[in-house]
Amino acid sequence: MTKTQPDSPSISNSDQSWIFSSLEPEQLVKAKKHAIPRRHLKGRELLVLWTLRLYLIFMMVVVAYQVWLAAR
């Protein structure tokens, strides 16, 4: 016979900020340090990110061209 443990109560944002404010600096660093796993992006999100990357590359080329023109 196994007993199930009750779900832990969720901590509200105000409770969490109160807890963090009561910790010493070393404890606060340790409490905030936790690994965040990578997120697997879906089609639209990937499309938006790749579009932004291509826009950035395009704008870098435009700026380089403008600098080149100004130097001439």
PDB file of N, CA and C in Angstrom:
ATOM      1  N   MET A   1       0.831  -1.166   0.000  1.00  0.00           N
ATOM      2  CA  MET A   1       0.000   0.000   0.000  1.00  0.00           C
ATOM      3  C   MET A   1       0.885   1.242   0.000  1.00  0.00           C
ATOM      4  N   THR A   2       0.729   2.064  -1.026  1.00  0.00           N
ATOM      5  CA  THR A   2       1.544   3.279  -1.110  1.00  0.00           C
ATOM      6  C   THR A   2       0.686   4.485  -0.826  1.00  0.00           C
ATOM      7  N   LYS A   3       1.269   5.380  -0.110  1.00  0.00           N
ATOM      8  CA  LYS A   3       0.577   6.632   0.183  1.00  0.00           C
ATOM      9  C   LYS A   3       1.091   7.687  -0.789  1.00  0.00           C
ATOM     10  N   THR A   4       0.176   8.430  -1.308  1.00  0.00           N
ATOM     11  CA  THR A   4       0.594   9.528  -2.176  1.00  0.00           C
ATOM     12  C   THR A   4       0.736  10.781  -1.341  1.00  0.00           C
ATOM     13  N   GLN A   5       1.778  11.509  -1.643  1.00  0.00           N
ATOM     14  CA  GLN A   5       2.004  12.742  -0.913  1.00  0.00           C
ATOM     15  C   GLN A   5       1.134  13.830  -1.530  1.00  0.00           C
ATOM     16  N   PRO A   6       0.586  14.700  -0.716  1.00  0.00           N
ATOM     17  CA  PRO A   6      -0.220  15.783  -1.278  1.00  0.00           C
ATOM     18  C   PRO A   6       0.649  16.717  -2.094  1.00  0.00           C
ATOM     19  N   ASP A   7       0.033  17.325  -3.092  1.00  0.00           N
ATOM     20  CA  ASP A   7       0.771  18.277  -3.916  1.00  0.00           C
ATOM     21  C   ASP A   7       1.283  19.412  -3.051  1.00  0.00           C
ATOM     22  N   SER A   8       2.500  19.843  -3.366  1.00  0.00           N
ATOM     23  CA  SER A   8       3.051  20.953  -2.596  1.00  0.00           C
ATOM     24  C   SER A   8       2.282  22.220  -2.959  1.00  0.00           C
ATOM     25  N   PRO A   9       2.051  23.078  -1.998  1.00  0.00           N
ATOM     26  CA  PRO A   9       1.293  24.302  -2.289  1.00  0.00           C
ATOM     27  C   PRO A   9       2.090  25.211  -3.211  1.00  0.00           C
ATOM     28  N   SER A  10       1.405  25.852  -4.123  1.00  0.00           N
ATOM     29  CA  SER A  10       2.100  26.754  -5.034  1.00  0.00           C
ATOM     30  C   SER A  10       2.454  28.041  -4.289  1.00  0.00           C
ATOM     31  N   ILE A  11       3.572  28.605  -4.658  1.00  0.00           N
ATOM     32  CA  ILE A  11       4.069  29.819  -4.005  1.00  0.00           C
ATOM     33  C   ILE A  11       3.732  30.999  -4.892  1.00  0.00           C
ATOM     34  N   SER A  12       3.060  31.980  -4.337  1.00  0.00           N
ATOM     35  CA  SER A  12       2.701  33.168  -5.112  1.00  0.00           C
ATOM     36  C   SER A  12       3.931  34.051  -5.303  1.00  0.00           C
ATOM     37  N   ASN A  13       3.811  35.001  -6.223  1.00  0.00           N
ATOM     38  CA  ASN A  13       4.933  35.905  -6.502  1.00  0.00           C
ATOM     39  C   ASN A  13       5.289  36.758  -5.289  1.00  0.00           C
ATOM     40  N   SER A  14       4.281  37.185  -4.544  1.00  0.00           N
ATOM     41  CA  SER A  14       4.579  38.003  -3.361  1.00  0.00           C
ATOM     42  C   SER A  14       5.303  37.172  -2.298  1.00  0.00           C
ATOM     43  N   ASP A  15       4.880  35.906  -2.133  1.00  0.00           N
ATOM     44  CA  ASP A  15       5.572  35.033  -1.186  1.00  0.00           C
ATOM     45  C   ASP A  15       7.010  34.781  -1.627  1.00  0.00           C
ATOM     46  N   GLN A  16       7.185  34.566  -2.924  1.00  0.00           N
ATOM     47  CA  GLN A  16       8.524  34.291  -3.441  1.00  0.00           C
ATOM     48  C   GLN A  16       9.435  35.504  -3.254  1.00  0.00           C
ATOM     49  N   SER A  17       8.928  36.705  -3.515  1.00  0.00           N
ATOM     50  CA  SER A  17       9.767  37.893  -3.324  1.00  0.00           C
ATOM     51  C   SER A  17      10.087  38.094  -1.844  1.00  0.00           C
ATOM     52  N   TRP A  18       9.140  37.761  -0.961  1.00  0.00           N
ATOM     53  CA  TRP A  18       9.401  37.862   0.476  1.00  0.00           C
ATOM     54  C   TRP A  18      10.482  36.877   0.900  1.00  0.00           C
ATOM     55  N   ILE A  19      10.421  35.660   0.355  1.00  0.00           N
ATOM     56  CA  ILE A  19      11.429  34.639   0.670  1.00  0.00           C
ATOM     57  C   ILE A  19      12.796  35.090   0.179  1.00  0.00           C
ATOM     58  N   PHE A  20      12.862  35.586  -1.062  1.00  0.00           N
ATOM     59  CA  PHE A  20      14.139  36.022  -1.618  1.00  0.00           C
ATOM     60  C   PHE A  20      14.707  37.207  -0.843  1.00  0.00           C
ATOM     61  N   SER A  21      13.857  38.096  -0.358  1.00  0.00           N
ATOM     62  CA  SER A  21      14.364  39.258   0.373  1.00  0.00           C
ATOM     63  C   SER A  21      14.897  38.875   1.755  1.00  0.00           C
ATOM     64  N   SER A  22      14.479  37.727   2.273  1.00  0.00           N
ATOM     65  CA  SER A  22      14.939  37.325   3.598  1.00  0.00           C
ATOM     66  C   SER A  22      16.228  36.495   3.551  1.00  0.00           C
ATOM     67  N   LEU A  23      16.674  36.131   2.359  1.00  0.00           N
ATOM     68  CA  LEU A  23      17.896  35.328   2.233  1.00  0.00           C
ATOM     69  C   LEU A  23      19.132  36.201   2.247  1.00  0.00           C
ATOM     70  N   GLU A  24      20.237  35.621   2.688  1.00  0.00           N
ATOM     71  CA  GLU A  24      21.524  36.293   2.611  1.00  0.00           C
ATOM     72  C   GLU A  24      22.008  36.222   1.168  1.00  0.00           C
ATOM     73  N   PRO A  25      22.955  37.089   0.791  1.00  0.00           N
ATOM     74  CA  PRO A  25      23.384  37.133  -0.617  1.00  0.00           C
ATOM     75  C   PRO A  25      23.836  35.780  -1.183  1.00  0.00           C
ATOM     76  N   GLU A  26      24.604  35.012  -0.422  1.00  0.00           N
ATOM     77  CA  GLU A  26      25.067  33.717  -0.917  1.00  0.00           C
ATOM     78  C   GLU A  26      23.901  32.752  -1.108  1.00  0.00           C
ATOM     79  N   GLN A  27      22.955  32.803  -0.182  1.00  0.00           N
ATOM     80  CA  GLN A  27      21.785  31.932  -0.279  1.00  0.00           C
ATOM     81  C   GLN A  27      20.912  32.344  -1.470  1.00  0.00           C
ATOM     82  N   LEU A  28      20.830  33.646  -1.704  1.00  0.00           N
ATOM     83  CA  LEU A  28      20.028  34.140  -2.814  1.00  0.00           C
ATOM     84  C   LEU A  28      20.597  33.679  -4.147  1.00  0.00           C
ATOM     85  N   VAL A  29      21.916  33.747  -4.297  1.00  0.00           N
ATOM     86  CA  VAL A  29      22.557  33.292  -5.528  1.00  0.00           C
ATOM     87  C   VAL A  29      22.278  31.811  -5.748  1.00  0.00           C
ATOM     88  N   LYS A  30      22.406  31.028  -4.703  1.00  0.00           N
ATOM     89  CA  LYS A  30      22.171  29.590  -4.817  1.00  0.00           C
ATOM     90  C   LYS A  30      20.698  29.290  -5.138  1.00  0.00           C
ATOM     91  N   ALA A  31      19.779  30.057  -4.560  1.00  0.00           N
ATOM     92  CA  ALA A  31      18.354  29.828  -4.785  1.00  0.00           C
ATOM     93  C   ALA A  31      17.939  30.192  -6.204  1.00  0.00           C
ATOM     94  N   LYS A  32      18.582  31.211  -6.765  1.00  0.00           N
ATOM     95  CA  LYS A  32      18.217  31.654  -8.107  1.00  0.00           C
ATOM     96  C   LYS A  32      18.916  30.858  -9.203  1.00  0.00           C
ATOM     97  N   LYS A  33      19.983  30.144  -8.848  1.00  0.00           N
ATOM     98  CA  LYS A  33      20.756  29.408  -9.836  1.00  0.00           C
ATOM     99  C   LYS A  33      20.092  28.062 -10.105  1.00  0.00           C
ATOM    100  N   HIS A  34      19.527  27.909 -11.262  1.00  0.00           N
ATOM    101  CA  HIS A  34      18.973  26.627 -11.667  1.00  0.00           C
ATOM    102  C   HIS A  34      18.991  26.571 -13.189  1.00  0.00           C
ATOM    103  N   ALA A  35      19.192  25.391 -13.705  1.00  0.00           N
ATOM    104  CA  ALA A  35      19.310  25.220 -15.144  1.00  0.00           C
ATOM    105  C   ALA A  35      17.939  25.325 -15.796  1.00  0.00           C
ATOM    106  N   ILE A  36      17.898  26.066 -16.879  1.00  0.00           N
ATOM    107  CA  ILE A  36      16.670  26.184 -17.658  1.00  0.00           C
ATOM    108  C   ILE A  36      16.871  25.353 -18.923  1.00  0.00           C
ATOM    109  N   PRO A  37      16.042  24.356 -19.136  1.00  0.00           N
ATOM    110  CA  PRO A  37      16.239  23.498 -20.313  1.00  0.00           C
ATOM    111  C   PRO A  37      15.945  24.251 -21.608  1.00  0.00           C
ATOM    112  N   ARG A  38      16.557  23.770 -22.680  1.00  0.00           N
ATOM    113  CA  ARG A  38      16.307  24.377 -23.984  1.00  0.00           C
ATOM    114  C   ARG A  38      14.862  24.175 -24.388  1.00  0.00           C
ATOM    115  N   ARG A  39      14.346  25.139 -25.077  1.00  0.00           N
ATOM    116  CA  ARG A  39      12.969  25.044 -25.546  1.00  0.00           C
ATOM    117  C   ARG A  39      12.981  24.578 -26.993  1.00  0.00           C
ATOM    118  N   HIS A  40      12.136  23.646 -27.315  1.00  0.00           N
ATOM    119  CA  HIS A  40      12.018  23.161 -28.689  1.00  0.00           C
ATOM    120  C   HIS A  40      11.006  24.040 -29.411  1.00  0.00           C
ATOM    121  N   LEU A  41      11.493  24.781 -30.399  1.00  0.00           N
ATOM    122  CA  LEU A  41      10.659  25.746 -31.090  1.00  0.00           C
ATOM    123  C   LEU A  41       9.852  25.077 -32.194  1.00  0.00           C
ATOM    124  N   LYS A  42       8.688  25.654 -32.464  1.00  0.00           N
ATOM    125  CA  LYS A  42       7.808  25.143 -33.498  1.00  0.00           C
ATOM    126  C   LYS A  42       8.025  25.921 -34.787  1.00  0.00           C
ATOM    127  N   GLY A  43       7.289  25.587 -35.812  1.00  0.00           N
ATOM    128  CA  GLY A  43       7.469  26.159 -37.146  1.00  0.00           C
ATOM    129  C   GLY A  43       7.425  27.668 -37.211  1.00  0.00           C
ATOM    130  N   ARG A  44       6.377  28.284 -36.686  1.00  0.00           N
ATOM    131  CA  ARG A  44       6.262  29.741 -36.766  1.00  0.00           C
ATOM    132  C   ARG A  44       7.366  30.441 -35.997  1.00  0.00           C
ATOM    133  N   GLU A  45       7.698  29.911 -34.831  1.00  0.00           N
ATOM    134  CA  GLU A  45       8.747  30.535 -34.020  1.00  0.00           C
ATOM    135  C   GLU A  45      10.089  30.467 -34.733  1.00  0.00           C
ATOM    136  N   LEU A  46      10.383  29.321 -35.349  1.00  0.00           N
ATOM    137  CA  LEU A  46      11.628  29.190 -36.110  1.00  0.00           C
ATOM    138  C   LEU A  46      11.637  30.141 -37.301  1.00  0.00           C
ATOM    139  N   LEU A  47      10.499  30.259 -37.969  1.00  0.00           N
ATOM    140  CA  LEU A  47      10.402  31.165 -39.115  1.00  0.00           C
ATOM    141  C   LEU A  47      10.673  32.605 -38.695  1.00  0.00           C
ATOM    142  N   VAL A  48      10.105  33.035 -37.595  1.00  0.00           N
ATOM    143  CA  VAL A  48      10.327  34.402 -37.110  1.00  0.00           C
ATOM    144  C   VAL A  48      11.795  34.612 -36.764  1.00  0.00           C
ATOM    145  N   LEU A  49      12.405  33.661 -36.075  1.00  0.00           N
ATOM    146  CA  LEU A  49      13.818  33.819 -35.703  1.00  0.00           C
ATOM    147  C   LEU A  49      14.727  33.847 -36.928  1.00  0.00           C
ATOM    148  N   TRP A  50      14.481  32.977 -37.905  1.00  0.00           N
ATOM    149  CA  TRP A  50      15.303  32.981 -39.109  1.00  0.00           C
ATOM    150  C   TRP A  50      15.090  34.255 -39.918  1.00  0.00           C
ATOM    151  N   THR A  51      13.869  34.771 -39.930  1.00  0.00           N
ATOM    152  CA  THR A  51      13.608  36.036 -40.617  1.00  0.00           C
ATOM    153  C   THR A  51      14.378  37.168 -39.947  1.00  0.00           C
ATOM    154  N   LEU A  52      14.384  37.185 -38.620  1.00  0.00           N
ATOM    155  CA  LEU A  52      15.146  38.215 -37.912  1.00  0.00           C
ATOM    156  C   LEU A  52      16.648  38.082 -38.174  1.00  0.00           C
ATOM    157  N   ARG A  53      17.143  36.862 -38.235  1.00  0.00           N
ATOM    158  CA  ARG A  53      18.568  36.658 -38.533  1.00  0.00           C
ATOM    159  C   ARG A  53      18.914  37.179 -39.915  1.00  0.00           C
ATOM    160  N   LEU A  54      18.070  36.852 -40.900  1.00  0.00           N
ATOM    161  CA  LEU A  54      18.329  37.318 -42.267  1.00  0.00           C
ATOM    162  C   LEU A  54      18.238  38.843 -42.356  1.00  0.00           C
ATOM    163  N   TYR A  55      17.285  39.431 -41.641  1.00  0.00           N
ATOM    164  CA  TYR A  55      17.166  40.896 -41.606  1.00  0.00           C
ATOM    165  C   TYR A  55      18.426  41.513 -40.998  1.00  0.00           C
ATOM    166  N   LEU A  56      18.927  40.918 -39.936  1.00  0.00           N
ATOM    167  CA  LEU A  56      20.132  41.428 -39.298  1.00  0.00           C
ATOM    168  C   LEU A  56      21.326  41.376 -40.251  1.00  0.00           C
ATOM    169  N   ILE A  57      21.477  40.272 -40.961  1.00  0.00           N
ATOM    170  CA  ILE A  57      22.576  40.154 -41.919  1.00  0.00           C
ATOM    171  C   ILE A  57      22.426  41.187 -43.026  1.00  0.00           C
ATOM    172  N   PHE A  58      21.196  41.351 -43.535  1.00  0.00           N
ATOM    173  CA  PHE A  58      20.934  42.346 -44.570  1.00  0.00           C
ATOM    174  C   PHE A  58      21.297  43.748 -44.089  1.00  0.00           C
ATOM    175  N   MET A  59      20.894  44.096 -42.878  1.00  0.00           N
ATOM    176  CA  MET A  59      21.175  45.430 -42.353  1.00  0.00           C
ATOM    177  C   MET A  59      22.668  45.634 -42.107  1.00  0.00           C
ATOM    178  N   MET A  60      23.377  44.571 -41.734  1.00  0.00           N
ATOM    179  CA  MET A  60      24.829  44.691 -41.568  1.00  0.00           C
ATOM    180  C   MET A  60      25.496  44.991 -42.914  1.00  0.00           C
ATOM    181  N   VAL A  61      25.003  44.366 -43.963  1.00  0.00           N
ATOM    182  CA  VAL A  61      25.534  44.627 -45.303  1.00  0.00           C
ATOM    183  C   VAL A  61      25.229  46.065 -45.706  1.00  0.00           C
ATOM    184  N   VAL A  62      24.033  46.544 -45.435  1.00  0.00           N
ATOM    185  CA  VAL A  62      23.664  47.923 -45.769  1.00  0.00           C
ATOM    186  C   VAL A  62      24.554  48.912 -45.021  1.00  0.00           C
ATOM    187  N   VAL A  63      24.767  48.691 -43.739  1.00  0.00           N
ATOM    188  CA  VAL A  63      25.615  49.593 -42.948  1.00  0.00           C
ATOM    189  C   VAL A  63      27.051  49.546 -43.456  1.00  0.00           C
ATOM    190  N   ALA A  64      27.565  48.360 -43.746  1.00  0.00           N
ATOM    191  CA  ALA A  64      28.929  48.249 -44.272  1.00  0.00           C
ATOM    192  C   ALA A  64      29.053  48.990 -45.600  1.00  0.00           C
ATOM    193  N   TYR A  65      28.035  48.889 -46.451  1.00  0.00           N
ATOM    194  CA  TYR A  65      28.049  49.593 -47.734  1.00  0.00           C
ATOM    195  C   TYR A  65      28.033  51.107 -47.522  1.00  0.00           C
ATOM    196  N   GLN A  66      27.232  51.580 -46.584  1.00  0.00           N
ATOM    197  CA  GLN A  66      27.174  53.007 -46.303  1.00  0.00           C
ATOM    198  C   GLN A  66      28.508  53.519 -45.749  1.00  0.00           C
ATOM    199  N   VAL A  67      29.147  52.747 -44.900  1.00  0.00           N
ATOM    200  CA  VAL A  67      30.467  53.126 -44.381  1.00  0.00           C
ATOM    201  C   VAL A  67      31.466  53.159 -45.511  1.00  0.00           C
ATOM    202  N   TRP A  68      31.404  52.176 -46.393  1.00  0.00           N
ATOM    203  CA  TRP A  68      32.317  52.123 -47.536  1.00  0.00           C
ATOM    204  C   TRP A  68      32.115  53.345 -48.441  1.00  0.00           C
ATOM    205  N   LEU A  69      30.839  53.718 -48.681  1.00  0.00           N
ATOM    206  CA  LEU A  69      30.563  54.894 -49.495  1.00  0.00           C
ATOM    207  C   LEU A  69      31.074  56.168 -48.831  1.00  0.00           C
ATOM    208  N   ALA A  70      30.906  56.280 -47.525  1.00  0.00           N
ATOM    209  CA  ALA A  70      31.354  57.475 -46.809  1.00  0.00           C
ATOM    210  C   ALA A  70      32.867  57.585 -46.796  1.00  0.00           C
ATOM    211  N   ALA A  71      33.560  56.459 -46.823  1.00  0.00           N
ATOM    212  CA  ALA A  71      35.023  56.474 -46.790  1.00  0.00           C
ATOM    213  C   ALA A  71      35.622  56.831 -48.150  1.00  0.00           C
ATOM    214  N   ARG A  72      34.871  56.673 -49.195  1.00  0.00           N
ATOM    215  CA  ARG A  72      35.373  56.980 -50.549  1.00  0.00           C
ATOM    216  C   ARG A  72      35.497  58.424 -50.804  1.00  0.00           C
TER     217      ARG A  72
END
